[in-house]
Amino acid sequence: MLVTLTGILELAGAVGVLIPATARVTAACLIALMVAMYPANVSAARSRP
């Protein structure tokens, strides 16, 4: 469920960046999302399958 939620947020961010009126705010939100997801991505990459 969390993967689906982050995917939806990323897609919404992609659309938001294309709209000039919301591009700056959307870019800041995408940066925050990336920073929040980074530790989970590192943990997943380091774990054994």
C-alpha atoms as a PDB file:
ATOM      1  CA  MET A   1       0.000   0.000   0.000  1.00  0.00           C
ATOM      2  CA  LEU A   2       2.850   2.380   0.825  1.00  0.00           C
ATOM      3  CA  VAL A   3       4.481   1.727  -2.551  1.00  0.00           C
ATOM      4  CA  THR A   4       1.217   2.553  -4.288  1.00  0.00           C
ATOM      5  CA  LEU A   5       0.842   5.757  -2.288  1.00  0.00           C
ATOM      6  CA  THR A   6       4.350   6.963  -3.099  1.00  0.00           C
ATOM      7  CA  GLY A   7       3.810   6.101  -6.754  1.00  0.00           C
ATOM      8  CA  ILE A   8       0.641   8.179  -6.841  1.00  0.00           C
ATOM      9  CA  LEU A   9       2.466  11.068  -5.163  1.00  0.00           C
ATOM     10  CA  GLU A  10       5.247  10.851  -7.741  1.00  0.00           C
ATOM     11  CA  LEU A  11       2.741  10.894 -10.612  1.00  0.00           C
ATOM     12  CA  ALA A  12       0.924  13.857  -9.081  1.00  0.00           C
ATOM     13  CA  GLY A  13       4.273  15.591  -8.737  1.00  0.00           C
ATOM     14  CA  ALA A  14       5.073  14.964 -12.389  1.00  0.00           C
ATOM     15  CA  VAL A  15       1.803  16.600 -13.389  1.00  0.00           C
ATOM     16  CA  GLY A  16       2.306  19.450 -10.937  1.00  0.00           C
ATOM     17  CA  VAL A  17       5.741  20.292 -12.336  1.00  0.00           C
ATOM     18  CA  LEU A  18       4.215  20.696 -15.793  1.00  0.00           C
ATOM     19  CA  ILE A  19       1.817  23.401 -14.560  1.00  0.00           C
ATOM     20  CA  PRO A  20       3.741  26.691 -14.305  1.00  0.00           C
ATOM     21  CA  ALA A  21       1.625  28.042 -11.435  1.00  0.00           C
ATOM     22  CA  THR A  22       2.424  25.056  -9.201  1.00  0.00           C
ATOM     23  CA  ALA A  23       5.893  24.078 -10.431  1.00  0.00           C
ATOM     24  CA  ARG A  24       7.909  25.602  -7.562  1.00  0.00           C
ATOM     25  CA  VAL A  25       5.730  24.227  -4.778  1.00  0.00           C
ATOM     26  CA  THR A  26       5.527  20.841  -6.464  1.00  0.00           C
ATOM     27  CA  ALA A  27       9.297  20.703  -6.896  1.00  0.00           C
ATOM     28  CA  ALA A  28       9.770  21.423  -3.188  1.00  0.00           C
ATOM     29  CA  CYS A  29       7.278  18.688  -2.315  1.00  0.00           C
ATOM     30  CA  LEU A  30       9.049  16.195  -4.586  1.00  0.00           C
ATOM     31  CA  ILE A  31      12.366  17.025  -2.926  1.00  0.00           C
ATOM     32  CA  ALA A  32      10.786  16.416   0.484  1.00  0.00           C
ATOM     33  CA  LEU A  33       9.357  13.118  -0.751  1.00  0.00           C
ATOM     34  CA  MET A  34      12.758  12.049  -2.048  1.00  0.00           C
ATOM     35  CA  VAL A  35      14.443  12.913   1.256  1.00  0.00           C
ATOM     36  CA  ALA A  36      11.760  11.028   3.191  1.00  0.00           C
ATOM     37  CA  MET A  37      12.012   7.921   0.984  1.00  0.00           C
ATOM     38  CA  TYR A  38      15.819   7.808   0.761  1.00  0.00           C
ATOM     39  CA  PRO A  39      16.447   5.848   3.991  1.00  0.00           C
ATOM     40  CA  ALA A  40      13.896   3.212   2.988  1.00  0.00           C
ATOM     41  CA  ASN A  41      15.487   2.858  -0.452  1.00  0.00           C
ATOM     42  CA  VAL A  42      18.961   2.457   1.050  1.00  0.00           C
ATOM     43  CA  SER A  43      17.649  -0.110   3.509  1.00  0.00           C
ATOM     44  CA  ALA A  44      15.940  -2.075   0.738  1.00  0.00           C
ATOM     45  CA  ALA A  45      19.075  -1.991  -1.412  1.00  0.00           C
ATOM     46  CA  ARG A  46      21.256  -3.258   1.425  1.00  0.00           C
ATOM     47  CA  SER A  47      18.963  -6.081   2.535  1.00  0.00           C
ATOM     48  CA  ARG A  48      19.476  -9.534   1.188  1.00  0.00           C
ATOM     49  CA  PRO A  49      16.754 -10.893  -1.133  1.00  0.00           C
END
